[in-house]
Amino acid sequence: MAEQMTHSINATNLADILERVLDKGIVIAGDIKIQLADIDLLNIKIRLLVASVDKAMEMGINWWQQDSYLSTKAKEKETQTLEKRVERLEKRSKA
């Protein structure tokens, strides 16, 4: 049984490809449409962007910074907003 030898050139090529994709970004797009007698029943648009964080921010994409599940700053802001809201409701209920 012969074993296939892995060359470091292959690993370098894969690393180079990954670096280029993350540096430049890649968009994969697709549409799914279900029709019956020329009537749209379902229309789904799928878009996937693969890029580094730096490249995404350069393009103006930074949704993860406002997501309370992914960002501690966003979670703290959400907590403060909720605490202020509770305070207002408590003041209203006492009046």
C-alpha atoms as a PDB file:
ATOM      1  CA  MET A   1       0.000   0.000   0.000  1.00  0.00           C
ATOM      2  CA  ALA A   2       1.626   3.196  -1.162  1.00  0.00           C
ATOM      3  CA  GLU A   3       1.220   6.364   0.865  1.00  0.00           C
ATOM      4  CA  GLN A   4       0.880   9.649  -0.952  1.00  0.00           C
ATOM      5  CA  MET A   5       3.480  12.193   0.020  1.00  0.00           C
ATOM      6  CA  THR A   6       2.234  15.681   0.903  1.00  0.00           C
ATOM      7  CA  HIS A   7       4.451  18.484  -0.294  1.00  0.00           C
ATOM      8  CA  SER A   8       4.828  21.808   1.467  1.00  0.00           C
ATOM      9  CA  ILE A   9       4.172  23.477  -1.918  1.00  0.00           C
ATOM     10  CA  ASN A  10       0.517  22.322  -1.754  1.00  0.00           C
ATOM     11  CA  ALA A  11       0.093  23.783   1.735  1.00  0.00           C
ATOM     12  CA  THR A  12       1.663  27.049   0.617  1.00  0.00           C
ATOM     13  CA  ASN A  13      -0.674  27.260  -2.352  1.00  0.00           C
ATOM     14  CA  LEU A  14      -3.706  26.692  -0.145  1.00  0.00           C
ATOM     15  CA  ALA A  15      -2.480  29.308   2.322  1.00  0.00           C
ATOM     16  CA  ASP A  16      -1.870  31.766  -0.530  1.00  0.00           C
ATOM     17  CA  ILE A  17      -5.348  31.191  -1.921  1.00  0.00           C
ATOM     18  CA  LEU A  18      -6.944  31.684   1.498  1.00  0.00           C
ATOM     19  CA  GLU A  19      -4.909  34.857   2.068  1.00  0.00           C
ATOM     20  CA  ARG A  20      -5.998  36.261  -1.304  1.00  0.00           C
ATOM     21  CA  VAL A  21      -9.653  35.440  -0.699  1.00  0.00           C
ATOM     22  CA  LEU A  22      -9.625  37.067   2.726  1.00  0.00           C
ATOM     23  CA  ASP A  23      -7.679  40.074   1.440  1.00  0.00           C
ATOM     24  CA  LYS A  24      -9.809  40.722  -1.640  1.00  0.00           C
ATOM     25  CA  GLY A  25     -13.075  39.132  -0.543  1.00  0.00           C
ATOM     26  CA  ILE A  26     -15.339  36.857  -2.506  1.00  0.00           C
ATOM     27  CA  VAL A  27     -19.091  37.053  -3.042  1.00  0.00           C
ATOM     28  CA  ILE A  28     -21.232  34.033  -3.747  1.00  0.00           C
ATOM     29  CA  ALA A  29     -24.782  34.834  -4.839  1.00  0.00           C
ATOM     30  CA  GLY A  30     -27.756  32.715  -5.733  1.00  0.00           C
ATOM     31  CA  ASP A  31     -31.502  33.009  -6.130  1.00  0.00           C
ATOM     32  CA  ILE A  32     -34.171  30.405  -5.543  1.00  0.00           C
ATOM     33  CA  LYS A  33     -37.553  31.043  -7.117  1.00  0.00           C
ATOM     34  CA  ILE A  34     -40.588  28.777  -7.018  1.00  0.00           C
ATOM     35  CA  GLN A  35     -43.403  29.652  -9.403  1.00  0.00           C
ATOM     36  CA  LEU A  36     -46.728  28.098 -10.240  1.00  0.00           C
ATOM     37  CA  ALA A  37     -48.519  29.328 -13.372  1.00  0.00           C
ATOM     38  CA  ASP A  38     -46.343  32.461 -13.515  1.00  0.00           C
ATOM     39  CA  ILE A  39     -47.150  33.326  -9.877  1.00  0.00           C
ATOM     40  CA  ASP A  40     -44.221  33.666  -7.493  1.00  0.00           C
ATOM     41  CA  LEU A  41     -44.787  31.395  -4.509  1.00  0.00           C
ATOM     42  CA  LEU A  42     -41.335  31.698  -2.989  1.00  0.00           C
ATOM     43  CA  ASN A  43     -38.378  33.916  -3.775  1.00  0.00           C
ATOM     44  CA  ILE A  44     -35.159  33.560  -1.765  1.00  0.00           C
ATOM     45  CA  LYS A  45     -32.011  35.571  -2.408  1.00  0.00           C
ATOM     46  CA  ILE A  46     -28.839  34.160  -0.909  1.00  0.00           C
ATOM     47  CA  ARG A  47     -25.679  36.251  -0.626  1.00  0.00           C
ATOM     48  CA  LEU A  48     -22.450  35.120   1.025  1.00  0.00           C
ATOM     49  CA  LEU A  49     -19.420  37.334   1.519  1.00  0.00           C
ATOM     50  CA  VAL A  50     -16.121  35.820   2.611  1.00  0.00           C
ATOM     51  CA  ALA A  51     -13.525  38.406   3.610  1.00  0.00           C
ATOM     52  CA  SER A  52     -11.223  39.364   6.442  1.00  0.00           C
ATOM     53  CA  VAL A  53     -12.549  41.608   9.207  1.00  0.00           C
ATOM     54  CA  ASP A  54     -10.339  44.447   7.973  1.00  0.00           C
ATOM     55  CA  LYS A  55     -11.641  44.122   4.405  1.00  0.00           C
ATOM     56  CA  ALA A  56     -15.250  43.927   5.589  1.00  0.00           C
ATOM     57  CA  MET A  57     -14.850  47.066   7.692  1.00  0.00           C
ATOM     58  CA  GLU A  58     -13.175  48.788   4.749  1.00  0.00           C
ATOM     59  CA  MET A  59     -16.328  48.001   2.734  1.00  0.00           C
ATOM     60  CA  GLY A  60     -18.526  49.409   5.508  1.00  0.00           C
ATOM     61  CA  ILE A  61     -19.690  46.062   6.865  1.00  0.00           C
ATOM     62  CA  ASN A  62     -19.476  45.903  10.661  1.00  0.00           C
ATOM     63  CA  TRP A  63     -22.764  44.393  11.855  1.00  0.00           C
ATOM     64  CA  TRP A  64     -21.009  42.179  14.414  1.00  0.00           C
ATOM     65  CA  GLN A  65     -20.043  45.285  16.403  1.00  0.00           C
ATOM     66  CA  GLN A  66     -23.723  46.048  17.066  1.00  0.00           C
ATOM     67  CA  ASP A  67     -24.765  42.443  17.737  1.00  0.00           C
ATOM     68  CA  SER A  68     -25.133  41.899  21.489  1.00  0.00           C
ATOM     69  CA  TYR A  69     -24.332  38.196  21.099  1.00  0.00           C
ATOM     70  CA  LEU A  70     -20.970  38.928  19.476  1.00  0.00           C
ATOM     71  CA  SER A  71     -19.832  42.211  21.044  1.00  0.00           C
ATOM     72  CA  THR A  72     -19.428  42.997  24.741  1.00  0.00           C
ATOM     73  CA  LYS A  73     -19.762  46.721  24.019  1.00  0.00           C
ATOM     74  CA  ALA A  74     -23.083  46.139  22.268  1.00  0.00           C
ATOM     75  CA  LYS A  75     -24.226  43.922  25.164  1.00  0.00           C
ATOM     76  CA  GLU A  76     -23.303  46.630  27.695  1.00  0.00           C
ATOM     77  CA  LYS A  77     -25.171  49.255  25.675  1.00  0.00           C
ATOM     78  CA  GLU A  78     -28.233  47.010  25.438  1.00  0.00           C
ATOM     79  CA  THR A  79     -28.102  46.370  29.204  1.00  0.00           C
ATOM     80  CA  GLN A  80     -27.880  50.106  29.964  1.00  0.00           C
ATOM     81  CA  THR A  81     -30.826  50.815  27.665  1.00  0.00           C
ATOM     82  CA  LEU A  82     -32.914  48.149  29.383  1.00  0.00           C
ATOM     83  CA  GLU A  83     -31.947  49.404  32.859  1.00  0.00           C
ATOM     84  CA  LYS A  84     -33.015  52.964  31.938  1.00  0.00           C
ATOM     85  CA  ARG A  85     -36.284  51.634  30.566  1.00  0.00           C
ATOM     86  CA  VAL A  86     -36.971  49.690  33.770  1.00  0.00           C
ATOM     87  CA  GLU A  87     -36.231  52.824  35.835  1.00  0.00           C
ATOM     88  CA  ARG A  88     -38.732  54.862  33.782  1.00  0.00           C
ATOM     89  CA  LEU A  89     -41.378  52.155  34.158  1.00  0.00           C
ATOM     90  CA  GLU A  90     -40.795  51.945  37.928  1.00  0.00           C
ATOM     91  CA  LYS A  91     -41.149  55.742  38.254  1.00  0.00           C
ATOM     92  CA  ARG A  92     -44.395  55.625  36.255  1.00  0.00           C
ATOM     93  CA  SER A  93     -45.836  52.839  38.360  1.00  0.00           C
ATOM     94  CA  LYS A  94     -45.081  54.742  41.617  1.00  0.00           C
ATOM     95  CA  ALA A  95     -46.721  57.944  40.394  1.00  0.00           C
END
